[in-house]
Amino acid sequence: MTSIGRVTGDREVVVPLLVHAENGADRQVDALLDTGFNGYLALPARVIEALELHRLGREQITLASGKTHLVGKYEATLEFGGAIHSVEVVEAGEPLIGMSLLWGYGLRLQCIDDGQVVLERLS
């Protein structure tokens, strides 16, 4: 089991991720865990540009409000759960971790201010 983040007083799960940049300028990003997002990772355009991520094209996404948007889709390499992952990234207003990145792991949350977020690889 690995501690990967914390629960905030605002009742959000924040997980720091190290995203590897194409230009070598890796960047730590504090992402919110979003169980309603079925993708891997969402990042703001300014972070995607700073990391110089490889563009894969565009993708239509549906927001929680039911509205659809066409956004840029990129490829990134990041460290998560003690492993290196190559994942698809979609453009969004804030950094989000989706269910695809969590797939294959067990997640335990201490739902208190500054509670631990613990990840365990499932067999």
PDB file of N, CA and C in Angstrom:
ATOM      1  N   MET A   1       0.840  -1.183   0.000  1.00  0.00           N
ATOM      2  CA  MET A   1       0.000   0.000   0.000  1.00  0.00           C
ATOM      3  C   MET A   1       0.878   1.237   0.000  1.00  0.00           C
ATOM      4  N   THR A   2       0.432   2.246  -0.721  1.00  0.00           N
ATOM      5  CA  THR A   2       1.187   3.472  -0.872  1.00  0.00           C
ATOM      6  C   THR A   2       0.292   4.672  -0.597  1.00  0.00           C
ATOM      7  N   SER A   3       0.757   5.589   0.232  1.00  0.00           N
ATOM      8  CA  SER A   3       0.023   6.829   0.457  1.00  0.00           C
ATOM      9  C   SER A   3       0.287   7.744  -0.740  1.00  0.00           C
ATOM     10  N   ILE A   4      -0.781   8.192  -1.387  1.00  0.00           N
ATOM     11  CA  ILE A   4      -0.604   8.966  -2.617  1.00  0.00           C
ATOM     12  C   ILE A   4      -1.157  10.379  -2.560  1.00  0.00           C
ATOM     13  N   GLY A   5      -1.860  10.734  -1.491  1.00  0.00           N
ATOM     14  CA  GLY A   5      -2.453  12.064  -1.456  1.00  0.00           C
ATOM     15  C   GLY A   5      -3.115  12.326  -0.129  1.00  0.00           C
ATOM     16  N   ARG A   6      -4.022  13.316  -0.142  1.00  0.00           N
ATOM     17  CA  ARG A   6      -4.688  13.703   1.098  1.00  0.00           C
ATOM     18  C   ARG A   6      -6.109  14.176   0.805  1.00  0.00           C
ATOM     19  N   VAL A   7      -6.923  14.121   1.841  1.00  0.00           N
ATOM     20  CA  VAL A   7      -8.281  14.655   1.792  1.00  0.00           C
ATOM     21  C   VAL A   7      -8.231  16.050   2.413  1.00  0.00           C
ATOM     22  N   THR A   8      -8.802  17.028   1.744  1.00  0.00           N
ATOM     23  CA  THR A   8      -8.750  18.407   2.231  1.00  0.00           C
ATOM     24  C   THR A   8      -9.959  18.726   3.107  1.00  0.00           C
ATOM     25  N   GLY A   9      -9.884  19.850   3.799  1.00  0.00           N
ATOM     26  CA  GLY A   9     -11.003  20.338   4.593  1.00  0.00           C
ATOM     27  C   GLY A   9     -12.219  20.670   3.741  1.00  0.00           C
ATOM     28  N   ASP A  10     -11.996  20.874   2.418  1.00  0.00           N
ATOM     29  CA  ASP A  10     -13.100  21.122   1.486  1.00  0.00           C
ATOM     30  C   ASP A  10     -13.719  19.819   0.984  1.00  0.00           C
ATOM     31  N   ARG A  11     -13.254  18.700   1.564  1.00  0.00           N
ATOM     32  CA  ARG A  11     -13.746  17.360   1.212  1.00  0.00           C
ATOM     33  C   ARG A  11     -13.401  16.972  -0.215  1.00  0.00           C
ATOM     34  N   GLU A  12     -12.200  17.337  -0.639  1.00  0.00           N
ATOM     35  CA  GLU A  12     -11.687  16.948  -1.947  1.00  0.00           C
ATOM     36  C   GLU A  12     -10.475  16.048  -1.746  1.00  0.00           C
ATOM     37  N   VAL A  13     -10.273  15.128  -2.688  1.00  0.00           N
ATOM     38  CA  VAL A  13      -9.108  14.249  -2.660  1.00  0.00           C
ATOM     39  C   VAL A  13      -8.073  14.833  -3.627  1.00  0.00           C
ATOM     40  N   VAL A  14      -6.919  15.226  -3.082  1.00  0.00           N
ATOM     41  CA  VAL A  14      -5.855  15.837  -3.876  1.00  0.00           C
ATOM     42  C   VAL A  14      -4.678  14.869  -3.950  1.00  0.00           C
ATOM     43  N   VAL A  15      -4.239  14.606  -5.181  1.00  0.00           N
ATOM     44  CA  VAL A  15      -3.134  13.681  -5.413  1.00  0.00           C
ATOM     45  C   VAL A  15      -2.054  14.401  -6.221  1.00  0.00           C
ATOM     46  N   PRO A  16      -0.839  14.532  -5.674  1.00  0.00           N
ATOM     47  CA  PRO A  16       0.246  15.114  -6.461  1.00  0.00           C
ATOM     48  C   PRO A  16       0.768  14.082  -7.464  1.00  0.00           C
ATOM     49  N   LEU A  17       0.901  14.504  -8.707  1.00  0.00           N
ATOM     50  CA  LEU A  17       1.419  13.642  -9.778  1.00  0.00           C
ATOM     51  C   LEU A  17       2.656  14.279 -10.382  1.00  0.00           C
ATOM     52  N   LEU A  18       3.640  13.473 -10.708  1.00  0.00           N
ATOM     53  CA  LEU A  18       4.790  13.967 -11.448  1.00  0.00           C
ATOM     54  C   LEU A  18       4.562  13.615 -12.913  1.00  0.00           C
ATOM     55  N   VAL A  19       4.349  14.650 -13.740  1.00  0.00           N
ATOM     56  CA  VAL A  19       4.099  14.450 -15.164  1.00  0.00           C
ATOM     57  C   VAL A  19       5.398  14.771 -15.895  1.00  0.00           C
ATOM     58  N   HIS A  20       5.844  13.833 -16.743  1.00  0.00           N
ATOM     59  CA  HIS A  20       7.096  14.005 -17.474  1.00  0.00           C
ATOM     60  C   HIS A  20       6.852  14.814 -18.739  1.00  0.00           C
ATOM     61  N   ALA A  21       7.660  15.843 -18.917  1.00  0.00           N
ATOM     62  CA  ALA A  21       7.527  16.737 -20.067  1.00  0.00           C
ATOM     63  C   ALA A  21       8.364  16.244 -21.231  1.00  0.00           C
ATOM     64  N   GLU A  22       7.903  16.551 -22.427  1.00  0.00           N
ATOM     65  CA  GLU A  22       8.666  16.226 -23.638  1.00  0.00           C
ATOM     66  C   GLU A  22       9.999  16.960 -23.651  1.00  0.00           C
ATOM     67  N   ASN A  23      10.027  18.163 -23.055  1.00  0.00           N
ATOM     68  CA  ASN A  23      11.241  18.986 -23.069  1.00  0.00           C
ATOM     69  C   ASN A  23      12.138  18.750 -21.852  1.00  0.00           C
ATOM     70  N   GLY A  24      11.798  17.749 -21.024  1.00  0.00           N
ATOM     71  CA  GLY A  24      12.607  17.436 -19.858  1.00  0.00           C
ATOM     72  C   GLY A  24      12.264  18.242 -18.616  1.00  0.00           C
ATOM     73  N   ALA A  25      11.377  19.226 -18.733  1.00  0.00           N
ATOM     74  CA  ALA A  25      10.982  20.059 -17.594  1.00  0.00           C
ATOM     75  C   ALA A  25       9.764  19.428 -16.912  1.00  0.00           C
ATOM     76  N   ASP A  26       9.994  18.306 -16.208  1.00  0.00           N
ATOM     77  CA  ASP A  26       8.906  17.611 -15.527  1.00  0.00           C
ATOM     78  C   ASP A  26       8.207  18.561 -14.564  1.00  0.00           C
ATOM     79  N   ARG A  27       6.945  18.237 -14.276  1.00  0.00           N
ATOM     80  CA  ARG A  27       6.161  19.151 -13.454  1.00  0.00           C
ATOM     81  C   ARG A  27       5.268  18.365 -12.495  1.00  0.00           C
ATOM     82  N   GLN A  28       5.247  18.806 -11.237  1.00  0.00           N
ATOM     83  CA  GLN A  28       4.303  18.216 -10.292  1.00  0.00           C
ATOM     84  C   GLN A  28       2.984  18.952 -10.417  1.00  0.00           C
ATOM     85  N   VAL A  29       1.912  18.185 -10.501  1.00  0.00           N
ATOM     86  CA  VAL A  29       0.569  18.727 -10.649  1.00  0.00           C
ATOM     87  C   VAL A  29      -0.288  18.145  -9.533  1.00  0.00           C
ATOM     88  N   ASP A  30      -0.972  18.999  -8.786  1.00  0.00           N
ATOM     89  CA  ASP A  30      -1.926  18.540  -7.778  1.00  0.00           C
ATOM     90  C   ASP A  30      -3.274  18.356  -8.455  1.00  0.00           C
ATOM     91  N   ALA A  31      -3.692  17.101  -8.591  1.00  0.00           N
ATOM     92  CA  ALA A  31      -4.928  16.780  -9.302  1.00  0.00           C
ATOM     93  C   ALA A  31      -6.004  16.311  -8.325  1.00  0.00           C
ATOM     94  N   LEU A  32      -7.243  16.653  -8.644  1.00  0.00           N
ATOM     95  CA  LEU A  32      -8.387  16.196  -7.859  1.00  0.00           C
ATOM     96  C   LEU A  32      -8.848  14.845  -8.391  1.00  0.00           C
ATOM     97  N   LEU A  33      -9.194  13.948  -7.490  1.00  0.00           N
ATOM     98  CA  LEU A  33      -9.739  12.658  -7.878  1.00  0.00           C
ATOM     99  C   LEU A  33     -11.213  12.854  -8.222  1.00  0.00           C
ATOM    100  N   ASP A  34     -11.605  12.445  -9.426  1.00  0.00           N
ATOM    101  CA  ASP A  34     -12.973  12.652  -9.910  1.00  0.00           C
ATOM    102  C   ASP A  34     -13.535  11.319 -10.387  1.00  0.00           C
ATOM    103  N   THR A  35     -14.331  10.663  -9.542  1.00  0.00           N
ATOM    104  CA  THR A  35     -14.875   9.352  -9.898  1.00  0.00           C
ATOM    105  C   THR A  35     -15.931   9.434 -10.999  1.00  0.00           C
ATOM    106  N   GLY A  36     -16.388  10.639 -11.334  1.00  0.00           N
ATOM    107  CA  GLY A  36     -17.328  10.813 -12.435  1.00  0.00           C
ATOM    108  C   GLY A  36     -16.641  10.972 -13.784  1.00  0.00           C
ATOM    109  N   PHE A  37     -15.321  11.048 -13.766  1.00  0.00           N
ATOM    110  CA  PHE A  37     -14.512  11.195 -14.991  1.00  0.00           C
ATOM    111  C   PHE A  37     -13.949   9.822 -15.326  1.00  0.00           C
ATOM    112  N   ASN A  38     -14.312   9.270 -16.478  1.00  0.00           N
ATOM    113  CA  ASN A  38     -13.873   7.917 -16.803  1.00  0.00           C
ATOM    114  C   ASN A  38     -12.554   7.873 -17.576  1.00  0.00           C
ATOM    115  N   GLY A  39     -11.955   9.013 -17.866  1.00  0.00           N
ATOM    116  CA  GLY A  39     -10.659   9.046 -18.537  1.00  0.00           C
ATOM    117  C   GLY A  39      -9.521   8.855 -17.554  1.00  0.00           C
ATOM    118  N   TYR A  40      -8.304   9.129 -18.019  1.00  0.00           N
ATOM    119  CA  TYR A  40      -7.109   8.979 -17.192  1.00  0.00           C
ATOM    120  C   TYR A  40      -6.771  10.268 -16.453  1.00  0.00           C
ATOM    121  N   LEU A  41      -6.541  11.332 -17.223  1.00  0.00           N
ATOM    122  CA  LEU A  41      -6.057  12.575 -16.641  1.00  0.00           C
ATOM    123  C   LEU A  41      -6.571  13.748 -17.468  1.00  0.00           C
ATOM    124  N   ALA A  42      -6.955  14.808 -16.780  1.00  0.00           N
ATOM    125  CA  ALA A  42      -7.341  16.060 -17.433  1.00  0.00           C
ATOM    126  C   ALA A  42      -6.419  17.148 -16.898  1.00  0.00           C
ATOM    127  N   LEU A  43      -5.947  18.014 -17.796  1.00  0.00           N
ATOM    128  CA  LEU A  43      -5.052  19.108 -17.417  1.00  0.00           C
ATOM    129  C   LEU A  43      -5.480  20.396 -18.109  1.00  0.00           C
ATOM    130  N   PRO A  44      -5.240  21.542 -17.474  1.00  0.00           N
ATOM    131  CA  PRO A  44      -5.503  22.825 -18.133  1.00  0.00           C
ATOM    132  C   PRO A  44      -4.569  23.022 -19.331  1.00  0.00           C
ATOM    133  N   ALA A  45      -5.028  23.804 -20.297  1.00  0.00           N
ATOM    134  CA  ALA A  45      -4.252  24.058 -21.521  1.00  0.00           C
ATOM    135  C   ALA A  45      -2.862  24.619 -21.205  1.00  0.00           C
ATOM    136  N   ARG A  46      -2.756  25.519 -20.220  1.00  0.00           N
ATOM    137  CA  ARG A  46      -1.460  26.129 -19.909  1.00  0.00           C
ATOM    138  C   ARG A  46      -0.458  25.095 -19.409  1.00  0.00           C
ATOM    139  N   VAL A  47      -0.931  24.069 -18.685  1.00  0.00           N
ATOM    140  CA  VAL A  47      -0.040  23.003 -18.196  1.00  0.00           C
ATOM    141  C   VAL A  47       0.372  22.108 -19.364  1.00  0.00           C
ATOM    142  N   ILE A  48      -0.572  21.782 -20.231  1.00  0.00           N
ATOM    143  CA  ILE A  48      -0.277  20.965 -21.412  1.00  0.00           C
ATOM    144  C   ILE A  48       0.774  21.651 -22.276  1.00  0.00           C
ATOM    145  N   GLU A  49       0.628  22.956 -22.477  1.00  0.00           N
ATOM    146  CA  GLU A  49       1.590  23.718 -23.278  1.00  0.00           C
ATOM    147  C   GLU A  49       2.960  23.745 -22.615  1.00  0.00           C
ATOM    148  N   ALA A  50       3.008  23.961 -21.300  1.00  0.00           N
ATOM    149  CA  ALA A  50       4.279  24.015 -20.585  1.00  0.00           C
ATOM    150  C   ALA A  50       5.010  22.674 -20.645  1.00  0.00           C
ATOM    151  N   LEU A  51       4.258  21.580 -20.639  1.00  0.00           N
ATOM    152  CA  LEU A  51       4.847  20.246 -20.701  1.00  0.00           C
ATOM    153  C   LEU A  51       5.167  19.806 -22.128  1.00  0.00           C
ATOM    154  N   GLU A  52       4.673  20.568 -23.106  1.00  0.00           N
ATOM    155  CA  GLU A  52       4.868  20.247 -24.525  1.00  0.00           C
ATOM    156  C   GLU A  52       4.427  18.816 -24.836  1.00  0.00           C
ATOM    157  N   LEU A  53       3.224  18.458 -24.368  1.00  0.00           N
ATOM    158  CA  LEU A  53       2.715  17.105 -24.571  1.00  0.00           C
ATOM    159  C   LEU A  53       2.400  16.847 -26.034  1.00  0.00           C
ATOM    160  N   HIS A  54       2.586  15.609 -26.445  1.00  0.00           N
ATOM    161  CA  HIS A  54       2.317  15.178 -27.822  1.00  0.00           C
ATOM    162  C   HIS A  54       0.806  15.147 -28.054  1.00  0.00           C
ATOM    163  N   ARG A  55       0.365  15.875 -29.077  1.00  0.00           N
ATOM    164  CA  ARG A  55      -1.062  15.956 -29.390  1.00  0.00           C
ATOM    165  C   ARG A  55      -1.498  14.726 -30.189  1.00  0.00           C
ATOM    166  N   LEU A  56      -2.602  14.117 -29.741  1.00  0.00           N
ATOM    167  CA  LEU A  56      -3.161  12.952 -30.423  1.00  0.00           C
ATOM    168  C   LEU A  56      -4.340  13.303 -31.311  1.00  0.00           C
ATOM    169  N   GLY A  57      -4.952  14.448 -31.063  1.00  0.00           N
ATOM    170  CA  GLY A  57      -6.127  14.851 -31.832  1.00  0.00           C
ATOM    171  C   GLY A  57      -7.124  15.550 -30.938  1.00  0.00           C
ATOM    172  N   ARG A  58      -8.415  15.324 -31.224  1.00  0.00           N
ATOM    173  CA  ARG A  58      -9.476  15.943 -30.420  1.00  0.00           C
ATOM    174  C   ARG A  58     -10.438  14.845 -29.975  1.00  0.00           C
ATOM    175  N   GLU A  59     -11.135  15.122 -28.895  1.00  0.00           N
ATOM    176  CA  GLU A  59     -12.097  14.163 -28.368  1.00  0.00           C
ATOM    177  C   GLU A  59     -13.314  14.903 -27.837  1.00  0.00           C
ATOM    178  N   GLN A  60     -14.480  14.335 -28.053  1.00  0.00           N
ATOM    179  CA  GLN A  60     -15.699  14.918 -27.510  1.00  0.00           C
ATOM    180  C   GLN A  60     -15.913  14.354 -26.115  1.00  0.00           C
ATOM    181  N   ILE A  61     -16.108  15.252 -25.142  1.00  0.00           N
ATOM    182  CA  ILE A  61     -16.343  14.830 -23.769  1.00  0.00           C
ATOM    183  C   ILE A  61     -17.702  15.351 -23.313  1.00  0.00           C
ATOM    184  N   THR A  62     -18.288  14.652 -22.355  1.00  0.00           N
ATOM    185  CA  THR A  62     -19.551  15.071 -21.759  1.00  0.00           C
ATOM    186  C   THR A  62     -19.290  15.440 -20.316  1.00  0.00           C
ATOM    187  N   LEU A  63     -19.652  16.664 -19.951  1.00  0.00           N
ATOM    188  CA  LEU A  63     -19.464  17.141 -18.590  1.00  0.00           C
ATOM    189  C   LEU A  63     -20.589  16.642 -17.691  1.00  0.00           C
ATOM    190  N   ALA A  64     -20.415  16.784 -16.373  1.00  0.00           N
ATOM    191  CA  ALA A  64     -21.439  16.365 -15.410  1.00  0.00           C
ATOM    192  C   ALA A  64     -22.766  17.073 -15.670  1.00  0.00           C
ATOM    193  N   SER A  65     -22.710  18.282 -16.235  1.00  0.00           N
ATOM    194  CA  SER A  65     -23.924  19.039 -16.538  1.00  0.00           C
ATOM    195  C   SER A  65     -24.687  18.470 -17.735  1.00  0.00           C
ATOM    196  N   GLY A  66     -24.047  17.544 -18.462  1.00  0.00           N
ATOM    197  CA  GLY A  66     -24.656  16.972 -19.654  1.00  0.00           C
ATOM    198  C   GLY A  66     -24.218  17.660 -20.936  1.00  0.00           C
ATOM    199  N   LYS A  67     -23.540  18.803 -20.826  1.00  0.00           N
ATOM    200  CA  LYS A  67     -23.042  19.505 -22.006  1.00  0.00           C
ATOM    201  C   LYS A  67     -21.851  18.765 -22.589  1.00  0.00           C
ATOM    202  N   THR A  68     -21.743  18.807 -23.924  1.00  0.00           N
ATOM    203  CA  THR A  68     -20.603  18.183 -24.588  1.00  0.00           C
ATOM    204  C   THR A  68     -19.658  19.260 -25.119  1.00  0.00           C
ATOM    205  N   HIS A  69     -18.373  18.916 -25.108  1.00  0.00           N
ATOM    206  CA  HIS A  69     -17.333  19.818 -25.606  1.00  0.00           C
ATOM    207  C   HIS A  69     -16.322  19.022 -26.417  1.00  0.00           C
ATOM    208  N   LEU A  70     -15.762  19.659 -27.427  1.00  0.00           N
ATOM    209  CA  LEU A  70     -14.673  19.080 -28.192  1.00  0.00           C
ATOM    210  C   LEU A  70     -13.377  19.648 -27.627  1.00  0.00           C
ATOM    211  N   VAL A  71     -12.506  18.784 -27.133  1.00  0.00           N
ATOM    212  CA  VAL A  71     -11.275  19.234 -26.478  1.00  0.00           C
ATOM    213  C   VAL A  71     -10.071  18.534 -27.083  1.00  0.00           C
ATOM    214  N   GLY A  72      -8.899  19.121 -26.851  1.00  0.00           N
ATOM    215  CA  GLY A  72      -7.661  18.502 -27.295  1.00  0.00           C
ATOM    216  C   GLY A  72      -7.353  17.254 -26.494  1.00  0.00           C
ATOM    217  N   LYS A  73      -6.761  16.250 -27.166  1.00  0.00           N
ATOM    218  CA  LYS A  73      -6.351  15.006 -26.514  1.00  0.00           C
ATOM    219  C   LYS A  73      -4.848  14.847 -26.734  1.00  0.00           C
ATOM    220  N   TYR A  74      -4.137  14.494 -25.669  1.00  0.00           N
ATOM    221  CA  TYR A  74      -2.675  14.435 -25.682  1.00  0.00           C
ATOM    222  C   TYR A  74      -2.201  13.145 -25.038  1.00  0.00           C
ATOM    223  N   GLU A  75      -0.903  12.909 -25.128  1.00  0.00           N
ATOM    224  CA  GLU A  75      -0.290  11.750 -24.489  1.00  0.00           C
ATOM    225  C   GLU A  75       0.733  12.238 -23.480  1.00  0.00           C
ATOM    226  N   ALA A  76       0.741  11.602 -22.296  1.00  0.00           N
ATOM    227  CA  ALA A  76       1.697  11.981 -21.259  1.00  0.00           C
ATOM    228  C   ALA A  76       2.214  10.742 -20.553  1.00  0.00           C
ATOM    229  N   THR A  77       3.374  10.894 -19.944  1.00  0.00           N
ATOM    230  CA  THR A  77       3.942   9.859 -19.095  1.00  0.00           C
ATOM    231  C   THR A  77       3.985  10.420 -17.688  1.00  0.00           C
ATOM    232  N   LEU A  78       3.528   9.616 -16.721  1.00  0.00           N
ATOM    233  CA  LEU A  78       3.503  10.104 -15.347  1.00  0.00           C
ATOM    234  C   LEU A  78       3.784   8.979 -14.374  1.00  0.00           C
ATOM    235  N   GLU A  79       4.141   9.387 -13.163  1.00  0.00           N
ATOM    236  CA  GLU A  79       4.356   8.438 -12.079  1.00  0.00           C
ATOM    237  C   GLU A  79       3.100   8.408 -11.224  1.00  0.00           C
ATOM    238  N   PHE A  80       2.601   7.187 -10.974  1.00  0.00           N
ATOM    239  CA  PHE A  80       1.393   7.026 -10.164  1.00  0.00           C
ATOM    240  C   PHE A  80       1.395   5.632  -9.559  1.00  0.00           C
ATOM    241  N   GLY A  81       1.161   5.550  -8.268  1.00  0.00           N
ATOM    242  CA  GLY A  81       1.073   4.253  -7.608  1.00  0.00           C
ATOM    243  C   GLY A  81       2.351   3.454  -7.663  1.00  0.00           C
ATOM    244  N   GLY A  82       3.484   4.131  -7.699  1.00  0.00           N
ATOM    245  CA  GLY A  82       4.767   3.443  -7.728  1.00  0.00           C
ATOM    246  C   GLY A  82       5.154   2.911  -9.093  1.00  0.00           C
ATOM    247  N   ALA A  83       4.436   3.312 -10.137  1.00  0.00           N
ATOM    248  CA  ALA A  83       4.733   2.845 -11.492  1.00  0.00           C
ATOM    249  C   ALA A  83       4.685   4.012 -12.472  1.00  0.00           C
ATOM    250  N   ILE A  84       5.296   3.803 -13.631  1.00  0.00           N
ATOM    251  CA  ILE A  84       5.264   4.778 -14.722  1.00  0.00           C
ATOM    252  C   ILE A  84       4.126   4.382 -15.659  1.00  0.00           C
ATOM    253  N   HIS A  85       3.299   5.352 -16.021  1.00  0.00           N
ATOM    254  CA  HIS A  85       2.149   5.103 -16.892  1.00  0.00           C
ATOM    255  C   HIS A  85       2.194   6.046 -18.093  1.00  0.00           C
ATOM    256  N   SER A  86       1.855   5.522 -19.259  1.00  0.00           N
ATOM    257  CA  SER A  86       1.630   6.342 -20.439  1.00  0.00           C
ATOM    258  C   SER A  86       0.119   6.462 -20.573  1.00  0.00           C
ATOM    259  N   VAL A  87      -0.384   7.698 -20.523  1.00  0.00           N
ATOM    260  CA  VAL A  87      -1.831   7.902 -20.463  1.00  0.00           C
ATOM    261  C   VAL A  87      -2.291   8.963 -21.456  1.00  0.00           C
ATOM    262  N   GLU A  88      -3.589   8.916 -21.763  1.00  0.00           N
ATOM    263  CA  GLU A  88      -4.215   9.972 -22.547  1.00  0.00           C
ATOM    264  C   GLU A  88      -4.623  11.095 -21.612  1.00  0.00           C
ATOM    265  N   VAL A  89      -4.429  12.311 -22.069  1.00  0.00           N
ATOM    266  CA  VAL A  89      -4.769  13.514 -21.307  1.00  0.00           C
ATOM    267  C   VAL A  89      -5.754  14.325 -22.137  1.00  0.00           C
ATOM    268  N   VAL A  90      -6.824  14.778 -21.502  1.00  0.00           N
ATOM    269  CA  VAL A  90      -7.741  15.695 -22.175  1.00  0.00           C
ATOM    270  C   VAL A  90      -7.613  17.068 -21.537  1.00  0.00           C
ATOM    271  N   GLU A  91      -7.910  18.064 -22.331  1.00  0.00           N
ATOM    272  CA  GLU A  91      -7.846  19.449 -21.875  1.00  0.00           C
ATOM    273  C   GLU A  91      -9.064  19.755 -21.012  1.00  0.00           C
ATOM    274  N   ALA A  92      -8.833  20.397 -19.861  1.00  0.00           N
ATOM    275  CA  ALA A  92      -9.925  20.746 -18.953  1.00  0.00           C
ATOM    276  C   ALA A  92      -9.539  21.978 -18.150  1.00  0.00           C
ATOM    277  N   GLY A  93     -10.469  22.479 -17.384  1.00  0.00           N
ATOM    278  CA  GLY A  93     -10.236  23.682 -16.596  1.00  0.00           C
ATOM    279  C   GLY A  93      -9.343  23.471 -15.393  1.00  0.00           C
ATOM    280  N   GLU A  94      -9.302  22.234 -14.865  1.00  0.00           N
ATOM    281  CA  GLU A  94      -8.471  21.947 -13.696  1.00  0.00           C
ATOM    282  C   GLU A  94      -7.925  20.526 -13.814  1.00  0.00           C
ATOM    283  N   PRO A  95      -6.832  20.244 -13.110  1.00  0.00           N
ATOM    284  CA  PRO A  95      -6.263  18.892 -13.151  1.00  0.00           C
ATOM    285  C   PRO A  95      -7.183  17.890 -12.453  1.00  0.00           C
ATOM    286  N   LEU A  96      -7.505  16.805 -13.162  1.00  0.00           N
ATOM    287  CA  LEU A  96      -8.381  15.760 -12.632  1.00  0.00           C
ATOM    288  C   LEU A  96      -7.796  14.387 -12.912  1.00  0.00           C
ATOM    289  N   ILE A  97      -7.912  13.495 -11.946  1.00  0.00           N
ATOM    290  CA  ILE A  97      -7.575  12.084 -12.129  1.00  0.00           C
ATOM    291  C   ILE A  97      -8.889  11.347 -12.303  1.00  0.00           C
ATOM    292  N   GLY A  98      -8.970  10.542 -13.364  1.00  0.00           N
ATOM    293  CA  GLY A  98     -10.192   9.799 -13.639  1.00  0.00           C
ATOM    294  C   GLY A  98     -10.082   8.327 -13.281  1.00  0.00           C
ATOM    295  N   MET A  99     -11.163   7.623 -13.445  1.00  0.00           N
ATOM    296  CA  MET A  99     -11.260   6.218 -13.074  1.00  0.00           C
ATOM    297  C   MET A  99     -10.329   5.314 -13.889  1.00  0.00           C
ATOM    298  N   SER A 100     -10.000   5.683 -15.110  1.00  0.00           N
ATOM    299  CA  SER A 100      -9.106   4.836 -15.909  1.00  0.00           C
ATOM    300  C   SER A 100      -7.721   4.741 -15.287  1.00  0.00           C
ATOM    301  N   LEU A 101      -7.236   5.822 -14.671  1.00  0.00           N
ATOM    302  CA  LEU A 101      -5.931   5.775 -14.011  1.00  0.00           C
ATOM    303  C   LEU A 101      -5.999   4.933 -12.739  1.00  0.00           C
ATOM    304  N   LEU A 102      -7.151   4.905 -12.086  1.00  0.00           N
ATOM    305  CA  LEU A 102      -7.320   4.152 -10.846  1.00  0.00           C
ATOM    306  C   LEU A 102      -7.634   2.676 -11.069  1.00  0.00           C
ATOM    307  N   TRP A 103      -7.974   2.314 -12.330  1.00  0.00           N
ATOM    308  CA  TRP A 103      -8.408   0.957 -12.622  1.00  0.00           C
ATOM    309  C   TRP A 103      -7.305  -0.035 -12.256  1.00  0.00           C
ATOM    310  N   GLY A 104      -7.670  -1.085 -11.530  1.00  0.00           N
ATOM    311  CA  GLY A 104      -6.704  -2.102 -11.114  1.00  0.00           C
ATOM    312  C   GLY A 104      -6.106  -1.833  -9.742  1.00  0.00           C
ATOM    313  N   TYR A 105      -6.555  -0.772  -9.097  1.00  0.00           N
ATOM    314  CA  TYR A 105      -6.078  -0.423  -7.762  1.00  0.00           C
ATOM    315  C   TYR A 105      -7.244  -0.409  -6.784  1.00  0.00           C
ATOM    316  N   GLY A 106      -6.936  -0.651  -5.516  1.00  0.00           N
ATOM    317  CA  GLY A 106      -7.871  -0.420  -4.427  1.00  0.00           C
ATOM    318  C   GLY A 106      -7.542   0.932  -3.825  1.00  0.00           C
ATOM    319  N   LEU A 107      -8.542   1.657  -3.407  1.00  0.00           N
ATOM    320  CA  LEU A 107      -8.351   3.009  -2.890  1.00  0.00           C
ATOM    321  C   LEU A 107      -9.003   3.105  -1.523  1.00  0.00           C
ATOM    322  N   ARG A 108      -8.254   3.625  -0.543  1.00  0.00           N
ATOM    323  CA  ARG A 108      -8.809   3.824   0.792  1.00  0.00           C
ATOM    324  C   ARG A 108      -8.634   5.286   1.166  1.00  0.00           C
ATOM    325  N   LEU A 109      -9.727   5.905   1.597  1.00  0.00           N
ATOM    326  CA  LEU A 109      -9.713   7.318   1.964  1.00  0.00           C
ATOM    327  C   LEU A 109     -10.029   7.471   3.434  1.00  0.00           C
ATOM    328  N   GLN A 110      -9.271   8.317   4.107  1.00  0.00           N
ATOM    329  CA  GLN A 110      -9.631   8.724   5.457  1.00  0.00           C
ATOM    330  C   GLN A 110     -10.388  10.039   5.298  1.00  0.00           C
ATOM    331  N   CYS A 111     -11.689   9.986   5.432  1.00  0.00           N
ATOM    332  CA  CYS A 111     -12.537  11.147   5.161  1.00  0.00           C
ATOM    333  C   CYS A 111     -12.596  12.077   6.364  1.00  0.00           C
ATOM    334  N   ILE A 112     -11.455  12.689   6.630  1.00  0.00           N
ATOM    335  CA  ILE A 112     -11.274  13.702   7.666  1.00  0.00           C
ATOM    336  C   ILE A 112     -10.335  14.749   7.097  1.00  0.00           C
ATOM    337  N   ASP A 113     -10.288  15.920   7.729  1.00  0.00           N
ATOM    338  CA  ASP A 113      -9.375  16.974   7.285  1.00  0.00           C
ATOM    339  C   ASP A 113      -7.944  16.445   7.322  1.00  0.00           C
ATOM    340  N   ASP A 114      -7.240  16.534   6.210  1.00  0.00           N
ATOM    341  CA  ASP A 114      -5.864  16.058   6.031  1.00  0.00           C
ATOM    342  C   ASP A 114      -5.753  14.534   6.152  1.00  0.00           C
ATOM    343  N   GLY A 115      -6.851  13.831   5.813  1.00  0.00           N
ATOM    344  CA  GLY A 115      -6.850  12.374   5.842  1.00  0.00           C
ATOM    345  C   GLY A 115      -5.983  11.776   4.745  1.00  0.00           C
ATOM    346  N   GLN A 116      -5.495  10.579   4.969  1.00  0.00           N
ATOM    347  CA  GLN A 116      -4.640   9.894   3.996  1.00  0.00           C
ATOM    348  C   GLN A 116      -5.454   9.311   2.856  1.00  0.00           C
ATOM    349  N   VAL A 117      -4.813   9.236   1.690  1.00  0.00           N
ATOM    350  CA  VAL A 117      -5.346   8.545   0.526  1.00  0.00           C
ATOM    351  C   VAL A 117      -4.348   7.434   0.230  1.00  0.00           C
ATOM    352  N   VAL A 118      -4.807   6.181   0.346  1.00  0.00           N
ATOM    353  CA  VAL A 118      -3.910   5.041   0.222  1.00  0.00           C
ATOM    354  C   VAL A 118      -4.328   4.200  -0.989  1.00  0.00           C
ATOM    355  N   LEU A 119      -3.331   3.827  -1.775  1.00  0.00           N
ATOM    356  CA  LEU A 119      -3.544   3.066  -3.006  1.00  0.00           C
ATOM    357  C   LEU A 119      -2.892   1.705  -2.850  1.00  0.00           C
ATOM    358  N   GLU A 120      -3.586   0.666  -3.352  1.00  0.00           N
ATOM    359  CA  GLU A 120      -3.046  -0.687  -3.309  1.00  0.00           C
ATOM    360  C   GLU A 120      -3.299  -1.352  -4.651  1.00  0.00           C
ATOM    361  N   ARG A 121      -2.256  -1.931  -5.240  1.00  0.00           N
ATOM    362  CA  ARG A 121      -2.386  -2.632  -6.515  1.00  0.00           C
ATOM    363  C   ARG A 121      -3.182  -3.915  -6.289  1.00  0.00           C
ATOM    364  N   LEU A 122      -4.235  -4.140  -7.066  1.00  0.00           N
ATOM    365  CA  LEU A 122      -5.034  -5.356  -6.951  1.00  0.00           C
ATOM    366  C   LEU A 122      -4.429  -6.445  -7.830  1.00  0.00           C
ATOM    367  N   SER A 123      -4.526  -7.674  -7.368  1.00  0.00           N
ATOM    368  CA  SER A 123      -3.956  -8.773  -8.160  1.00  0.00           C
ATOM    369  C   SER A 123      -4.940  -9.327  -9.150  1.00  0.00           C
TER     370      SER A 123
END
